[in-house]
C-alpha atoms as a PDB file:
ATOM      1  CA  MET A   1     -24.960  -8.253 -13.504  1.00  0.00           C
ATOM      2  CA  SER A   2     -21.531  -7.286 -12.208  1.00  0.00           C
ATOM      3  CA  ILE A   3     -20.799  -7.629  -8.485  1.00  0.00           C
ATOM      4  CA  ALA A   4     -17.653  -5.484  -8.673  1.00  0.00           C
ATOM      5  CA  ALA A   5     -19.126  -2.667  -6.591  1.00  0.00           C
ATOM      6  CA  ASP A   6     -19.594  -5.051  -3.652  1.00  0.00           C
ATOM      7  CA  LEU A   7     -16.081  -6.470  -3.709  1.00  0.00           C
ATOM      8  CA  PRO A   8     -13.320  -4.986  -1.517  1.00  0.00           C
ATOM      9  CA  THR A   9     -10.236  -3.340  -2.982  1.00  0.00           C
ATOM     10  CA  ARG A  10      -6.999  -2.183  -1.415  1.00  0.00           C
ATOM     11  CA  ARG A  11      -8.876   0.902  -0.223  1.00  0.00           C
ATOM     12  CA  ASN A  12     -10.614  -1.333   2.322  1.00  0.00           C
ATOM     13  CA  GLU A  13      -8.355  -1.524   5.382  1.00  0.00           C
ATOM     14  CA  ALA A  14      -9.051  -5.205   6.014  1.00  0.00           C
ATOM     15  CA  TRP A  15      -8.153  -5.995   2.387  1.00  0.00           C
ATOM     16  CA  LYS A  16      -5.352  -3.461   1.882  1.00  0.00           C
ATOM     17  CA  TYR A  17      -2.876  -6.109   0.678  1.00  0.00           C
ATOM     18  CA  SER A  18      -5.377  -8.271  -1.229  1.00  0.00           C
ATOM     19  CA  ASP A  19      -7.434  -6.659  -3.984  1.00  0.00           C
ATOM     20  CA  LEU A  20     -10.362  -9.060  -4.383  1.00  0.00           C
ATOM     21  CA  ARG A  21     -12.128  -6.900  -6.953  1.00  0.00           C
ATOM     22  CA  GLN A  22      -9.119  -6.988  -9.249  1.00  0.00           C
ATOM     23  CA  ALA A  23      -8.699 -10.743  -8.774  1.00  0.00           C
ATOM     24  CA  VAL A  24     -12.353 -11.488  -9.619  1.00  0.00           C
ATOM     25  CA  GLY A  25     -12.371  -9.137 -12.602  1.00  0.00           C
ATOM     26  CA  ASP A  26     -15.389  -9.599 -14.869  1.00  0.00           C
ATOM     27  CA  GLU A  27     -16.325 -13.022 -13.501  1.00  0.00           C
ATOM     28  CA  HIS A  28     -19.944 -13.418 -12.457  1.00  0.00           C
ATOM     29  CA  HIS A  29     -20.780 -14.805  -9.037  1.00  0.00           C
ATOM     30  CA  VAL A  30     -23.922 -14.897  -6.922  1.00  0.00           C
ATOM     31  CA  LEU A  31     -23.886 -12.769  -3.784  1.00  0.00           C
ATOM     32  CA  ARG A  32     -25.996 -14.003  -0.869  1.00  0.00           C
ATOM     33  CA  ASP A  33     -26.857 -12.428   2.451  1.00  0.00           C
ATOM     34  CA  GLY A  34     -24.007 -12.490   4.932  1.00  0.00           C
ATOM     35  CA  ARG A  35     -21.817 -10.576   7.386  1.00  0.00           C
ATOM     36  CA  ASP A  36     -18.712 -10.649   5.197  1.00  0.00           C
ATOM     37  CA  ILE A  37     -17.952 -10.715   1.484  1.00  0.00           C
ATOM     38  CA  ILE A  38     -16.557 -14.263   1.656  1.00  0.00           C
ATOM     39  CA  GLU A  39     -19.700 -15.476   3.429  1.00  0.00           C
ATOM     40  CA  ARG A  40     -21.777 -13.785   0.733  1.00  0.00           C
ATOM     41  CA  LEU A  41     -19.799 -15.537  -1.994  1.00  0.00           C
ATOM     42  CA  ALA A  42     -19.991 -18.954  -0.298  1.00  0.00           C
ATOM     43  CA  PRO A  43     -22.863 -21.312  -1.195  1.00  0.00           C
ATOM     44  CA  GLY A  44     -23.769 -21.534   2.499  1.00  0.00           C
ATOM     45  CA  THR A  45     -22.381 -21.495   6.028  1.00  0.00           C
ATOM     46  CA  GLN A  46     -21.403 -24.784   7.668  1.00  0.00           C
ATOM     47  CA  ARG A  47     -22.198 -24.886  11.371  1.00  0.00           C
ATOM     48  CA  LEU A  48     -20.570 -27.164  13.928  1.00  0.00           C
ATOM     49  CA  GLU A  49     -20.636 -27.553  17.705  1.00  0.00           C
ATOM     50  CA  ALA A  50     -17.716 -29.420  19.234  1.00  0.00           C
ATOM     51  CA  THR A  51     -18.586 -31.096  22.520  1.00  0.00           C
ATOM     52  CA  THR A  52     -15.647 -33.510  22.900  1.00  0.00           C
ATOM     53  CA  ARG A  53     -12.221 -33.633  21.207  1.00  0.00           C
ATOM     54  CA  GLN A  54     -12.588 -33.220  17.461  1.00  0.00           C
ATOM     55  CA  LEU A  55     -10.233 -32.916  14.492  1.00  0.00           C
ATOM     56  CA  PHE A  56     -11.301 -31.247  11.258  1.00  0.00           C
ATOM     57  CA  VAL A  57      -9.024 -31.433   8.206  1.00  0.00           C
ATOM     58  CA  GLU A  58      -9.995 -29.133   5.345  1.00  0.00           C
ATOM     59  CA  ARG A  59      -8.415 -29.303   1.896  1.00  0.00           C
ATOM     60  CA  MET A  60      -8.886 -26.438  -0.570  1.00  0.00           C
ATOM     61  CA  VAL A  61      -7.785 -27.883  -3.914  1.00  0.00           C
ATOM     62  CA  ASP A  62      -9.963 -26.358  -6.678  1.00  0.00           C
ATOM     63  CA  ASP A  63      -7.699 -25.135  -9.491  1.00  0.00           C
ATOM     64  CA  ARG A  64     -10.364 -23.817 -11.871  1.00  0.00           C
ATOM     65  CA  HIS A  65     -13.054 -21.969  -9.924  1.00  0.00           C
ATOM     66  CA  MET A  66     -13.642 -19.737  -6.947  1.00  0.00           C
ATOM     67  CA  ASP A  67     -13.782 -21.871  -3.801  1.00  0.00           C
ATOM     68  CA  ALA A  68     -15.522 -19.712  -1.178  1.00  0.00           C
ATOM     69  CA  ARG A  69     -16.261 -21.309   2.204  1.00  0.00           C
ATOM     70  CA  SER A  70     -17.941 -20.068   5.367  1.00  0.00           C
ATOM     71  CA  PHE A  71     -17.913 -21.773   8.775  1.00  0.00           C
ATOM     72  CA  ASP A  72     -19.570 -20.889  12.086  1.00  0.00           C
ATOM     73  CA  TRP A  73     -18.377 -23.065  14.975  1.00  0.00           C
ATOM     74  CA  ILE A  74     -18.959 -23.320  18.703  1.00  0.00           C
ATOM     75  CA  VAL A  75     -16.549 -25.111  21.027  1.00  0.00           C
ATOM     76  CA  SER A  76     -18.509 -26.077  24.147  1.00  0.00           C
ATOM     77  CA  GLU A  77     -17.299 -25.915  27.731  1.00  0.00           C
ATOM     78  CA  GLY A  78     -14.229 -28.093  28.213  1.00  0.00           C
ATOM     79  CA  ALA A  79     -14.240 -29.321  24.590  1.00  0.00           C
ATOM     80  CA  GLU A  80     -11.338 -29.268  22.118  1.00  0.00           C
ATOM     81  CA  LEU A  81     -11.395 -28.544  18.396  1.00  0.00           C
ATOM     82  CA  THR A  82      -8.374 -28.821  16.115  1.00  0.00           C
ATOM     83  CA  ARG A  83      -8.680 -27.475  12.581  1.00  0.00           C
ATOM     84  CA  ILE A  84      -6.079 -28.097   9.885  1.00  0.00           C
ATOM     85  CA  VAL A  85      -6.365 -26.288   6.541  1.00  0.00           C
ATOM     86  CA  ILE A  86      -4.273 -27.295   3.514  1.00  0.00           C
ATOM     87  CA  GLN A  87      -4.750 -24.868   0.629  1.00  0.00           C
ATOM     88  CA  THR A  88      -3.271 -25.859  -2.737  1.00  0.00           C
ATOM     89  CA  GLY A  89      -5.883 -24.722  -5.307  1.00  0.00           C
ATOM     90  CA  LYS A  90      -4.530 -22.002  -7.561  1.00  0.00           C
ATOM     91  CA  ASP A  91      -7.624 -19.999  -8.550  1.00  0.00           C
ATOM     92  CA  LEU A  92      -9.596 -18.171  -5.827  1.00  0.00           C
ATOM     93  CA  PRO A  93      -9.692 -20.103  -2.543  1.00  0.00           C
ATOM     94  CA  LEU A  94     -11.475 -17.944   0.040  1.00  0.00           C
ATOM     95  CA  SER A  95     -12.465 -18.970   3.545  1.00  0.00           C
ATOM     96  CA  ILE A  96     -13.954 -17.259   6.581  1.00  0.00           C
ATOM     97  CA  THR A  97     -14.404 -19.062   9.891  1.00  0.00           C
ATOM     98  CA  ARG A  98     -15.986 -17.745  13.076  1.00  0.00           C
ATOM     99  CA  VAL A  99     -15.295 -19.649  16.296  1.00  0.00           C
ATOM    100  CA  ARG A 100     -16.888 -19.072  19.713  1.00  0.00           C
ATOM    101  CA  LEU A 101     -15.181 -20.613  22.734  1.00  0.00           C
ATOM    102  CA  ALA A 102     -16.907 -21.456  26.027  1.00  0.00           C
ATOM    103  CA  ALA A 103     -15.160 -21.784  29.404  1.00  0.00           C
ATOM    104  CA  GLY A 104     -12.227 -24.186  29.434  1.00  0.00           C
ATOM    105  CA  ALA A 105     -12.400 -24.814  25.689  1.00  0.00           C
ATOM    106  CA  LYS A 106      -9.334 -25.362  23.525  1.00  0.00           C
ATOM    107  CA  TYR A 107      -9.060 -24.332  19.897  1.00  0.00           C
ATOM    108  CA  THR A 108      -6.051 -25.213  17.770  1.00  0.00           C
ATOM    109  CA  GLN A 109      -5.727 -24.130  14.152  1.00  0.00           C
ATOM    110  CA  PHE A 110      -2.984 -24.635  11.606  1.00  0.00           C
ATOM    111  CA  VAL A 111      -3.136 -23.300   8.048  1.00  0.00           C
ATOM    112  CA  LEU A 112      -0.722 -24.436   5.350  1.00  0.00           C
ATOM    113  CA  CYS A 113      -1.255 -21.998   2.502  1.00  0.00           C
ATOM    114  CA  PHE A 114       0.456 -22.268  -0.892  1.00  0.00           C
ATOM    115  CA  GLY A 115      -1.222 -19.197  -2.350  1.00  0.00           C
ATOM    116  CA  ALA A 116      -3.223 -18.830  -5.553  1.00  0.00           C
ATOM    117  CA  ARG A 117      -4.315 -16.107  -7.904  1.00  0.00           C
ATOM    118  CA  LEU A 118      -5.640 -14.778  -4.603  1.00  0.00           C
ATOM    119  CA  ALA A 119      -5.943 -17.027  -1.546  1.00  0.00           C
ATOM    120  CA  ARG A 120      -7.335 -15.681   1.713  1.00  0.00           C
ATOM    121  CA  ILE A 121      -7.921 -17.755   4.840  1.00  0.00           C
ATOM    122  CA  GLU A 122      -9.662 -15.557   7.417  1.00  0.00           C
ATOM    123  CA  THR A 123     -10.461 -16.570  11.004  1.00  0.00           C
ATOM    124  CA  HIS A 124     -12.368 -14.768  13.761  1.00  0.00           C
ATOM    125  CA  VAL A 125     -12.171 -16.215  17.283  1.00  0.00           C
ATOM    126  CA  ALA A 126     -14.254 -15.033  20.237  1.00  0.00           C
ATOM    127  CA  VAL A 127     -13.074 -16.060  23.703  1.00  0.00           C
ATOM    128  CA  GLU A 128     -16.367 -16.023  25.635  1.00  0.00           C
ATOM    129  CA  GLY A 129     -15.518 -18.196  28.647  1.00  0.00           C
ATOM    130  CA  GLU A 130     -12.824 -18.250  31.321  1.00  0.00           C
ATOM    131  CA  GLY A 131      -9.674 -20.352  31.014  1.00  0.00           C
ATOM    132  CA  VAL A 132      -9.693 -20.801  27.232  1.00  0.00           C
ATOM    133  CA  GLU A 133      -6.602 -21.922  25.290  1.00  0.00           C
ATOM    134  CA  VAL A 134      -6.084 -20.779  21.692  1.00  0.00           C
ATOM    135  CA  THR A 135      -3.292 -21.826  19.325  1.00  0.00           C
ATOM    136  CA  MET A 136      -3.502 -20.148  15.908  1.00  0.00           C
ATOM    137  CA  ASN A 137      -0.504 -21.023  13.758  1.00  0.00           C
ATOM    138  CA  GLY A 138       0.116 -20.977  10.047  1.00  0.00           C
ATOM    139  CA  ALA A 139       2.686 -21.218   7.281  1.00  0.00           C
ATOM    140  CA  TYR A 140       2.514 -19.763   3.776  1.00  0.00           C
ATOM    141  CA  LEU A 141       4.678 -20.570   0.759  1.00  0.00           C
ATOM    142  CA  ALA A 142       4.140 -18.107  -2.091  1.00  0.00           C
ATOM    143  CA  GLY A 143       5.746 -18.951  -5.411  1.00  0.00           C
ATOM    144  CA  ALA A 144       5.691 -16.896  -8.605  1.00  0.00           C
ATOM    145  CA  GLY A 145       2.225 -15.605  -9.405  1.00  0.00           C
ATOM    146  CA  ARG A 146       0.751 -16.775  -6.115  1.00  0.00           C
ATOM    147  CA  HIS A 147      -0.814 -14.623  -3.409  1.00  0.00           C
ATOM    148  CA  ALA A 148      -1.271 -16.044   0.116  1.00  0.00           C
ATOM    149  CA  ASP A 149      -3.231 -14.070   2.736  1.00  0.00           C
ATOM    150  CA  LEU A 150      -3.677 -15.253   6.344  1.00  0.00           C
ATOM    151  CA  THR A 151      -5.933 -12.874   8.266  1.00  0.00           C
ATOM    152  CA  SER A 152      -7.244 -13.317  11.805  1.00  0.00           C
ATOM    153  CA  VAL A 153      -8.957 -11.528  14.684  1.00  0.00           C
ATOM    154  CA  ILE A 154      -8.918 -12.989  18.210  1.00  0.00           C
ATOM    155  CA  GLU A 155     -11.205 -11.233  20.703  1.00  0.00           C
ATOM    156  CA  HIS A 156     -10.716 -11.914  24.405  1.00  0.00           C
ATOM    157  CA  LYS A 157     -13.971 -11.228  26.234  1.00  0.00           C
ATOM    158  CA  ALA A 158     -13.415 -13.364  29.351  1.00  0.00           C
ATOM    159  CA  PRO A 159     -10.545 -13.673  31.868  1.00  0.00           C
ATOM    160  CA  GLY A 160      -7.704 -16.133  32.173  1.00  0.00           C
ATOM    161  CA  ALA A 161      -7.235 -17.131  28.526  1.00  0.00           C
ATOM    162  CA  VAL A 162      -3.949 -18.086  26.884  1.00  0.00           C
ATOM    163  CA  THR A 163      -3.399 -17.346  23.182  1.00  0.00           C
ATOM    164  CA  ARG A 164      -0.395 -18.283  21.095  1.00  0.00           C
ATOM    165  CA  GLN A 165      -0.098 -17.324  17.430  1.00  0.00           C
ATOM    166  CA  LEU A 166       2.943 -18.073  15.287  1.00  0.00           C
ATOM    167  CA  ILE A 167       2.829 -17.387  11.558  1.00  0.00           C
ATOM    168  CA  LYS A 168       5.813 -18.024   9.302  1.00  0.00           C
ATOM    169  CA  GLY A 169       6.096 -17.677   5.564  1.00  0.00           C
ATOM    170  CA  VAL A 170       8.383 -17.685   2.561  1.00  0.00           C
ATOM    171  CA  ALA A 171       8.018 -15.957  -0.790  1.00  0.00           C
ATOM    172  CA  ARG A 172       9.863 -16.342  -4.069  1.00  0.00           C
ATOM    173  CA  LYS A 173      10.172 -13.845  -6.927  1.00  0.00           C
ATOM    174  CA  GLY A 174       6.697 -12.831  -8.075  1.00  0.00           C
ATOM    175  CA  GLY A 175       5.032 -14.284  -4.974  1.00  0.00           C
ATOM    176  CA  ARG A 176       3.260 -12.328  -2.256  1.00  0.00           C
ATOM    177  CA  GLY A 177       2.659 -13.346   1.359  1.00  0.00           C
ATOM    178  CA  VAL A 178       0.282 -11.455   3.645  1.00  0.00           C
ATOM    179  CA  PHE A 179      -0.342 -11.742   7.378  1.00  0.00           C
ATOM    180  CA  GLN A 180      -2.877  -9.563   9.173  1.00  0.00           C
ATOM    181  CA  GLY A 181      -3.458 -10.489  12.801  1.00  0.00           C
ATOM    182  CA  LYS A 182      -5.339  -8.604  15.487  1.00  0.00           C
ATOM    183  CA  ILE A 183      -5.677  -9.573  19.150  1.00  0.00           C
ATOM    184  CA  VAL A 184      -8.253  -7.616  21.150  1.00  0.00           C
ATOM    185  CA  VAL A 185      -8.356  -7.803  24.953  1.00  0.00           C
ATOM    186  CA  GLU A 186     -11.531  -6.309  26.381  1.00  0.00           C
ATOM    187  CA  ARG A 187     -11.779  -4.807  29.871  1.00  0.00           C
ATOM    188  CA  ALA A 188     -13.376  -7.941  31.315  1.00  0.00           C
ATOM    189  CA  ALA A 189     -10.571 -10.172  30.027  1.00  0.00           C
ATOM    190  CA  GLN A 190      -8.155  -9.746  32.936  1.00  0.00           C
ATOM    191  CA  ARG A 191      -5.229 -12.186  33.303  1.00  0.00           C
ATOM    192  CA  THR A 192      -5.067 -12.735  29.545  1.00  0.00           C
ATOM    193  CA  ASP A 193      -1.740 -14.095  28.266  1.00  0.00           C
ATOM    194  CA  ALA A 194      -1.510 -13.475  24.517  1.00  0.00           C
ATOM    195  CA  ARG A 195       1.547 -13.713  22.230  1.00  0.00           C
ATOM    196  CA  GLN A 196       1.551 -13.114  18.482  1.00  0.00           C
ATOM    197  CA  HIS A 197       4.563 -13.411  16.172  1.00  0.00           C
ATOM    198  CA  HIS A 198       5.125 -13.337  12.424  1.00  0.00           C
ATOM    199  CA  GLN A 199       8.382 -14.179  10.637  1.00  0.00           C
ATOM    200  CA  GLY A 200       8.879 -13.994   6.892  1.00  0.00           C
ATOM    201  CA  LEU A 201      11.671 -15.086   4.556  1.00  0.00           C
ATOM    202  CA  LEU A 202      12.203 -13.333   1.216  1.00  0.00           C
ATOM    203  CA  LEU A 203      13.947 -16.004  -0.806  1.00  0.00           C
ATOM    204  CA  GLU A 204      14.620 -13.949  -3.967  1.00  0.00           C
ATOM    205  CA  ASP A 205      14.600 -10.390  -5.231  1.00  0.00           C
ATOM    206  CA  GLY A 206      11.082  -9.476  -6.329  1.00  0.00           C
ATOM    207  CA  ALA A 207       9.367 -11.411  -3.532  1.00  0.00           C
ATOM    208  CA  GLU A 208       6.846  -9.530  -1.369  1.00  0.00           C
ATOM    209  CA  ILE A 209       5.756 -10.000   2.236  1.00  0.00           C
ATOM    210  CA  PHE A 210       3.305  -7.711   4.010  1.00  0.00           C
ATOM    211  CA  ALA A 211       2.596  -8.125   7.726  1.00  0.00           C
ATOM    212  CA  LYS A 212       0.381  -6.203  10.114  1.00  0.00           C
ATOM    213  CA  PRO A 213       0.263  -7.659  13.654  1.00  0.00           C
ATOM    214  CA  GLU A 214      -1.872  -5.662  16.108  1.00  0.00           C
ATOM    215  CA  LEU A 215      -2.707  -5.626  19.810  1.00  0.00           C
ATOM    216  CA  MET A 216      -5.668  -3.694  21.226  1.00  0.00           C
ATOM    217  CA  ILE A 217      -5.622  -3.933  25.026  1.00  0.00           C
ATOM    218  CA  HIS A 218      -8.358  -2.482  27.255  1.00  0.00           C
ATOM    219  CA  ALA A 219      -7.504  -4.477  30.427  1.00  0.00           C
ATOM    220  CA  ASP A 220      -4.657  -3.702  32.816  1.00  0.00           C
ATOM    221  CA  ASN A 221      -3.780  -7.117  34.326  1.00  0.00           C
ATOM    222  CA  VAL A 222      -2.483  -8.880  31.204  1.00  0.00           C
ATOM    223  CA  GLN A 223       0.661 -10.242  29.584  1.00  0.00           C
ATOM    224  CA  CYS A 224       0.621  -9.490  25.865  1.00  0.00           C
ATOM    225  CA  ALA A 225       3.313  -9.222  23.208  1.00  0.00           C
ATOM    226  CA  HIS A 226       3.640  -9.231  19.449  1.00  0.00           C
ATOM    227  CA  GLY A 227       6.468  -9.120  16.950  1.00  0.00           C
ATOM    228  CA  ASN A 228       7.282  -9.147  13.278  1.00  0.00           C
ATOM    229  CA  THR A 229      10.465  -9.846  11.315  1.00  0.00           C
ATOM    230  CA  ALA A 230      11.251 -10.265   7.627  1.00  0.00           C
ATOM    231  CA  GLY A 231      14.529 -10.959   5.890  1.00  0.00           C
ATOM    232  CA  GLY A 232      16.609 -13.580   4.135  1.00  0.00           C
ATOM    233  CA  LEU A 233      18.079 -16.910   5.131  1.00  0.00           C
ATOM    234  CA  ASP A 234      20.696 -16.939   7.881  1.00  0.00           C
ATOM    235  CA  GLU A 235      23.918 -16.930   5.865  1.00  0.00           C
ATOM    236  CA  ARG A 236      25.928 -18.157   8.862  1.00  0.00           C
ATOM    237  CA  ALA A 237      23.728 -21.231   9.231  1.00  0.00           C
ATOM    238  CA  LEU A 238      23.944 -21.809   5.474  1.00  0.00           C
ATOM    239  CA  PHE A 239      27.742 -21.524   5.548  1.00  0.00           C
ATOM    240  CA  TYR A 240      27.942 -23.944   8.480  1.00  0.00           C
ATOM    241  CA  MET A 241      25.867 -26.577   6.657  1.00  0.00           C
ATOM    242  CA  ARG A 242      27.849 -26.181   3.430  1.00  0.00           C
ATOM    243  CA  SER A 243      31.081 -26.520   5.386  1.00  0.00           C
ATOM    244  CA  ARG A 244      29.802 -29.932   6.517  1.00  0.00           C
ATOM    245  CA  GLY A 245      29.506 -31.083   2.909  1.00  0.00           C
ATOM    246  CA  ILE A 246      25.816 -30.420   2.304  1.00  0.00           C
ATOM    247  CA  PRO A 247      25.132 -29.013  -1.207  1.00  0.00           C
ATOM    248  CA  GLU A 248      23.811 -25.452  -1.216  1.00  0.00           C
ATOM    249  CA  ALA A 249      20.355 -26.251  -2.634  1.00  0.00           C
ATOM    250  CA  GLU A 250      19.833 -29.032  -0.090  1.00  0.00           C
ATOM    251  CA  ALA A 251      21.091 -26.857   2.755  1.00  0.00           C
ATOM    252  CA  ARG A 252      18.696 -24.064   1.803  1.00  0.00           C
ATOM    253  CA  ALA A 253      15.773 -26.495   1.635  1.00  0.00           C
ATOM    254  CA  LEU A 254      16.617 -27.981   5.028  1.00  0.00           C
ATOM    255  CA  LEU A 255      16.831 -24.552   6.659  1.00  0.00           C
ATOM    256  CA  ILE A 256      13.514 -23.424   5.165  1.00  0.00           C
ATOM    257  CA  GLU A 257      11.803 -26.671   6.142  1.00  0.00           C
ATOM    258  CA  ALA A 258      12.993 -26.350   9.749  1.00  0.00           C
ATOM    259  CA  PHE A 259      11.906 -22.697   9.793  1.00  0.00           C
ATOM    260  CA  LEU A 260       8.346 -23.530   8.670  1.00  0.00           C
ATOM    261  CA  ALA A 261       7.957 -26.797  10.586  1.00  0.00           C
ATOM    262  CA  GLU A 262       8.114 -24.916  13.886  1.00  0.00           C
ATOM    263  CA  THR A 263       4.559 -23.671  13.250  1.00  0.00           C
ATOM    264  CA  ILE A 264       3.011 -27.166  13.088  1.00  0.00           C
ATOM    265  CA  PRO A 265       1.191 -27.850  16.372  1.00  0.00           C
ATOM    266  CA  ALA A 266       2.199 -30.772  18.550  1.00  0.00           C
ATOM    267  CA  GLY A 267      -0.133 -33.687  19.104  1.00  0.00           C
ATOM    268  CA  LEU A 268      -1.373 -34.212  15.555  1.00  0.00           C
ATOM    269  CA  PRO A 269      -1.807 -37.762  14.215  1.00  0.00           C
ATOM    270  CA  GLU A 270       1.497 -38.971  12.800  1.00  0.00           C
ATOM    271  CA  ALA A 271       0.117 -39.447   9.274  1.00  0.00           C
ATOM    272  CA  LEU A 272      -1.248 -35.899   9.209  1.00  0.00           C
ATOM    273  CA  HIS A 273       2.006 -34.428  10.529  1.00  0.00           C
ATOM    274  CA  ASP A 274       3.940 -36.339   7.874  1.00  0.00           C
ATOM    275  CA  GLU A 275       1.552 -35.082   5.182  1.00  0.00           C
ATOM    276  CA  LEU A 276       2.179 -31.468   6.203  1.00  0.00           C
ATOM    277  CA  ILE A 277       5.949 -31.919   6.217  1.00  0.00           C
ATOM    278  CA  GLY A 278       5.759 -33.748   2.886  1.00  0.00           C
ATOM    279  CA  ALA A 279       3.768 -30.906   1.339  1.00  0.00           C
ATOM    280  CA  ILE A 280       6.420 -28.398   2.407  1.00  0.00           C
ATOM    281  CA  GLN A 281       9.180 -30.628   1.045  1.00  0.00           C
ATOM    282  CA  THR A 282       7.368 -30.981  -2.299  1.00  0.00           C
ATOM    283  CA  TRP A 283       7.144 -27.210  -2.683  1.00  0.00           C
ATOM    284  CA  LEU A 284      10.804 -26.771  -1.799  1.00  0.00           C
ATOM    285  CA  ALA A 285      11.829 -29.419  -4.339  1.00  0.00           C
ATOM    286  CA  THR A 286       9.530 -28.471  -7.221  1.00  0.00           C
ATOM    287  CA  GLY A 287       8.257 -24.951  -6.552  1.00  0.00           C
ATOM    288  CA  LYS A 288       4.702 -26.316  -6.690  1.00  0.00           C
ATOM    289  CA  PRO A 289       2.297 -27.534  -4.008  1.00  0.00           C
ATOM    290  CA  PRO A 290       1.407 -31.231  -3.875  1.00  0.00           C
ATOM    291  CA  GLU A 291      -1.770 -32.612  -5.398  1.00  0.00           C
ATOM    292  CA  HIS A 292      -4.438 -33.458  -2.849  1.00  0.00           C
ATOM    293  CA  GLN A 293      -7.768 -35.189  -3.038  1.00  0.00           C
ATOM    294  CA  SER A 294     -10.680 -32.806  -2.502  1.00  0.00           C
ATOM    295  CA  THR A 295     -11.947 -34.455   0.685  1.00  0.00           C
ATOM    296  CA  ASP A 296     -12.478 -32.970   4.124  1.00  0.00           C
ATOM    297  CA  GLU A 297     -12.132 -35.157   7.198  1.00  0.00           C
ATOM    298  CA  GLU A 298     -13.640 -34.983  10.646  1.00  0.00           C
ATOM    299  CA  GLY A 299     -12.823 -37.273  13.517  1.00  0.00           C
ATOM    300  CA  MET A 300     -11.485 -37.717  17.004  1.00  0.00           C
ATOM    301  CA  LEU A 301      -7.948 -36.881  18.037  1.00  0.00           C
END
């Protein structure tokens, strides 16, 4: 039995840049009960409650099948959770994560997305306690035939929270990068400080980047801002590096690496930071993401 009627298309506002029905085509998948199509496609929802300082590293590497994942997490009062996602699988990696944050909690997320036939990493964060800190960064690298979609909603329901979101991406000819980010500040969330920025680089003619940052503010004592830019490499910086004897290809790679590396959060274990930088360097050198083992890791920071 076809599930096509249940799958979103570009007519669905939340999926306007990512046609899941077209990507799935005539493939047959089981749909379960759930609040979202990705949760319905996933084999189950993984639940986690962070009560101390925890690090979760998630690798999405399946090249041959749909890889649909659903997470439902709670970060307890005063606890810290850091989530790192490295997506390299080239078929249909889909993920939805819901995070609820109690008073004084800290949530840090970084997504390194290399795109796929259709890759979508979706995150919903609910700030439910006072004094929460949220860092939601990401980088996408979309080569030919790859589609990378980073979508997020951050809802501020309590006062005094600080949110920072920086998404950067690059796309080559035939690649598509998508960022959809919404920050909602409810009336009770006074003294919220929320900043959201997206920057995209179109490396070649025929590359596509779609971005839709949004702020919905219902409180009056807040500091909120958002921004979006897209363009090519800084030719002045490229000229400067070439004038110092650096070959053009190397200069371009160095500029792109520095551009993307700014999104990587501080405080990660050195080996993990080096892995992220190495993955970016591999893509810049070969046009392909690195090969990763299909293991997820959880531990203390």
